N, C-alpha and C. Protein backbone atom coordinates (compact mmCIF):
# COMPACT_ATOMS: atom_id res chain seq x y z
N MET A 1 7.93 4.08 0.77
CA MET A 1 8.72 2.81 0.61
C MET A 1 8.41 2.30 -0.76
N VAL A 2 9.60 1.81 -1.42
CA VAL A 2 9.51 1.07 -2.80
C VAL A 2 10.05 -0.26 -2.63
N SER A 3 9.36 -1.17 -3.13
CA SER A 3 9.86 -2.55 -3.09
C SER A 3 9.34 -3.49 -4.10
N ASP A 4 9.71 -4.65 -4.28
CA ASP A 4 9.35 -5.63 -5.22
C ASP A 4 8.21 -6.51 -4.67
N PHE A 5 7.66 -6.24 -3.49
CA PHE A 5 6.60 -7.21 -2.92
C PHE A 5 5.20 -6.94 -3.53
N SER A 6 4.49 -7.99 -3.58
CA SER A 6 2.99 -7.83 -3.90
C SER A 6 2.35 -7.23 -2.59
N LEU A 7 1.15 -6.77 -2.79
CA LEU A 7 0.53 -6.14 -1.60
C LEU A 7 0.25 -7.25 -0.59
N ALA A 8 -0.08 -8.53 -0.93
CA ALA A 8 -0.30 -9.35 -0.11
C ALA A 8 0.95 -9.82 0.63
N ALA A 9 2.06 -9.88 -0.10
CA ALA A 9 3.35 -10.26 0.56
C ALA A 9 3.77 -9.13 1.48
N MET A 10 3.51 -7.88 1.08
CA MET A 10 3.97 -6.68 2.01
C MET A 10 3.13 -6.77 3.21
N SER A 11 1.77 -7.00 3.03
CA SER A 11 0.96 -7.11 4.21
C SER A 11 1.43 -8.10 5.21
N ALA A 12 1.79 -9.38 4.72
CA ALA A 12 2.26 -10.37 5.59
C ALA A 12 3.57 -9.96 6.29
N ARG A 13 4.57 -9.32 5.55
CA ARG A 13 5.78 -8.86 6.24
C ARG A 13 5.49 -7.80 7.25
N MET A 14 4.66 -6.92 6.89
CA MET A 14 4.31 -5.77 7.83
C MET A 14 3.54 -6.28 9.12
N ALA A 15 2.69 -7.35 8.90
CA ALA A 15 2.04 -8.04 10.14
C ALA A 15 3.06 -8.71 10.90
N GLY A 16 4.15 -9.30 10.43
CA GLY A 16 5.14 -9.84 11.20
C GLY A 16 5.92 -8.88 11.88
N ALA A 17 6.02 -7.60 11.54
CA ALA A 17 6.74 -6.62 12.13
C ALA A 17 5.74 -5.70 13.12
N GLY A 18 4.60 -6.20 13.39
CA GLY A 18 3.63 -5.51 14.26
C GLY A 18 2.72 -4.43 13.69
N PHE A 19 2.44 -4.54 12.41
CA PHE A 19 1.67 -3.56 11.65
C PHE A 19 0.39 -4.14 11.13
N ASP A 20 -0.79 -3.40 11.12
CA ASP A 20 -2.02 -3.88 10.56
C ASP A 20 -1.97 -3.09 9.20
N THR A 21 -2.65 -3.86 8.21
CA THR A 21 -2.97 -3.25 6.85
C THR A 21 -4.14 -2.36 7.01
N VAL A 22 -4.02 -1.09 6.72
CA VAL A 22 -5.23 -0.18 6.63
C VAL A 22 -5.78 -0.22 5.22
N ASP A 23 -5.17 -0.19 4.39
CA ASP A 23 -5.63 -0.12 2.92
C ASP A 23 -4.57 -0.48 1.92
N GLY A 24 -4.87 -0.98 0.83
CA GLY A 24 -3.90 -1.43 -0.24
C GLY A 24 -4.58 -1.21 -1.57
N VAL A 25 -3.83 -0.71 -2.52
CA VAL A 25 -4.58 -0.64 -3.93
C VAL A 25 -3.29 -0.78 -4.95
N THR A 26 -3.73 -1.48 -5.97
CA THR A 26 -2.78 -1.82 -7.14
C THR A 26 -2.62 -0.54 -7.88
N MET A 27 -1.53 -0.43 -8.61
CA MET A 27 -1.35 0.80 -9.48
C MET A 27 -2.31 0.76 -10.62
N MET A 28 -2.59 -0.44 -11.05
CA MET A 28 -3.75 -0.61 -12.04
C MET A 28 -5.04 0.05 -11.77
N ASP A 29 -5.34 -0.18 -10.55
CA ASP A 29 -6.55 0.43 -9.89
C ASP A 29 -6.38 1.84 -9.81
N LEU A 30 -5.32 2.32 -9.41
CA LEU A 30 -4.99 3.92 -9.19
C LEU A 30 -5.11 4.60 -10.63
N GLY A 31 -4.48 3.71 -11.62
CA GLY A 31 -4.50 4.28 -12.90
C GLY A 31 -5.85 4.45 -13.58
N GLU A 32 -6.71 3.37 -13.31
CA GLU A 32 -8.11 3.43 -13.78
C GLU A 32 -8.83 4.61 -13.21
N CYS A 33 -8.60 4.74 -11.90
CA CYS A 33 -9.36 5.91 -11.15
C CYS A 33 -8.92 7.24 -11.74
N TYR A 34 -7.61 7.50 -12.01
CA TYR A 34 -7.10 8.75 -12.55
C TYR A 34 -7.57 8.85 -13.95
N ALA A 35 -7.65 7.78 -14.78
CA ALA A 35 -8.16 7.86 -16.15
C ALA A 35 -9.72 8.27 -16.14
N ARG A 36 -10.46 7.78 -15.29
CA ARG A 36 -11.85 8.04 -15.10
C ARG A 36 -12.02 9.59 -14.89
N GLU A 37 -11.09 10.21 -14.17
CA GLU A 37 -11.14 11.57 -13.73
C GLU A 37 -10.46 12.47 -14.70
N LEU A 38 -9.44 12.13 -15.35
CA LEU A 38 -8.69 12.96 -16.18
C LEU A 38 -8.55 12.54 -17.59
N GLY A 39 -9.27 11.37 -17.91
CA GLY A 39 -9.10 10.98 -19.38
C GLY A 39 -7.89 10.07 -19.55
N PRO A 40 -7.70 9.63 -20.81
CA PRO A 40 -6.61 8.73 -21.06
C PRO A 40 -5.23 9.28 -20.45
N LEU A 41 -4.37 8.44 -19.92
CA LEU A 41 -3.14 8.76 -19.42
C LEU A 41 -2.07 8.69 -20.44
N PRO A 42 -1.19 9.64 -20.45
CA PRO A 42 -0.16 9.67 -21.36
C PRO A 42 1.01 8.63 -21.27
N PHE A 43 0.88 7.67 -20.36
CA PHE A 43 1.84 6.73 -20.09
C PHE A 43 1.12 5.39 -19.67
N GLY A 44 1.86 4.27 -19.67
CA GLY A 44 1.31 3.01 -19.15
C GLY A 44 1.84 2.88 -17.77
N ILE A 45 0.93 2.09 -16.98
CA ILE A 45 1.16 1.90 -15.60
C ILE A 45 1.35 0.32 -15.49
N PRO A 46 2.61 0.05 -14.95
CA PRO A 46 2.95 -1.46 -14.74
C PRO A 46 2.02 -1.94 -13.76
N GLY A 47 1.46 -3.23 -13.97
CA GLY A 47 0.46 -3.94 -13.06
C GLY A 47 1.17 -4.55 -11.76
N MET A 48 2.54 -4.55 -11.83
CA MET A 48 3.15 -5.22 -10.74
C MET A 48 3.32 -4.49 -9.39
N PHE A 49 2.92 -3.01 -9.50
CA PHE A 49 3.25 -2.25 -8.30
C PHE A 49 2.00 -1.96 -7.58
N GLY A 50 2.05 -1.56 -6.34
CA GLY A 50 0.97 -1.14 -5.61
C GLY A 50 1.29 -0.30 -4.45
N CYS A 51 0.33 0.15 -3.61
CA CYS A 51 0.56 1.04 -2.48
C CYS A 51 -0.10 0.41 -1.37
N GLY A 52 0.51 0.52 -0.17
CA GLY A 52 -0.18 -0.02 1.03
C GLY A 52 -0.02 1.11 2.13
N LEU A 53 -1.03 1.17 2.91
CA LEU A 53 -1.10 1.93 4.13
C LEU A 53 -1.25 1.16 5.40
N PHE A 54 -0.20 1.31 6.33
CA PHE A 54 -0.21 0.49 7.51
C PHE A 54 -0.10 1.18 8.72
N GLN A 55 -0.57 0.59 9.73
CA GLN A 55 -0.49 1.35 11.15
C GLN A 55 -0.04 0.32 12.13
N TRP A 56 0.61 0.86 13.19
CA TRP A 56 1.13 0.04 14.31
C TRP A 56 0.03 -0.73 14.81
N ALA A 57 0.13 -1.90 14.88
CA ALA A 57 -1.06 -2.83 15.45
C ALA A 57 -1.31 -2.62 17.01
N GLU A 58 -0.37 -2.28 17.81
CA GLU A 58 -0.61 -2.09 19.25
C GLU A 58 -0.35 -0.68 19.54
N PRO A 59 -0.94 -0.02 20.57
CA PRO A 59 -0.67 1.24 21.06
C PRO A 59 0.79 1.28 21.56
N PRO A 60 1.34 2.53 21.43
CA PRO A 60 2.76 2.57 21.83
C PRO A 60 2.78 2.51 23.49
N PRO A 61 3.85 2.04 24.07
CA PRO A 61 3.99 1.97 25.56
C PRO A 61 3.83 3.29 26.15
N GLU A 62 3.37 3.37 27.28
CA GLU A 62 3.32 4.58 28.10
C GLU A 62 4.64 5.14 28.35
N PRO A 63 4.78 6.48 28.28
CA PRO A 63 6.17 7.07 28.51
C PRO A 63 6.61 6.75 29.91
N GLY A 64 7.87 6.23 30.04
CA GLY A 64 8.39 5.96 31.36
C GLY A 64 8.21 4.51 31.77
N CYS A 65 7.65 3.74 30.92
CA CYS A 65 7.48 2.37 31.41
C CYS A 65 8.41 1.37 30.78
């Protein structure tokens, strides 16, 4: 999913739809992690993006109910 939401805003929207936030990271943090492993990156990473991992907050209903 690609959007213009901050991680906090996306977490709030996802919570409103019944999801819990499992993890979230900014692209700046990801870029720093990759740079530590691979050395300087050949491109800039915009700080306004991030990635979030969400899971359904409630177990799914039993089949047939």
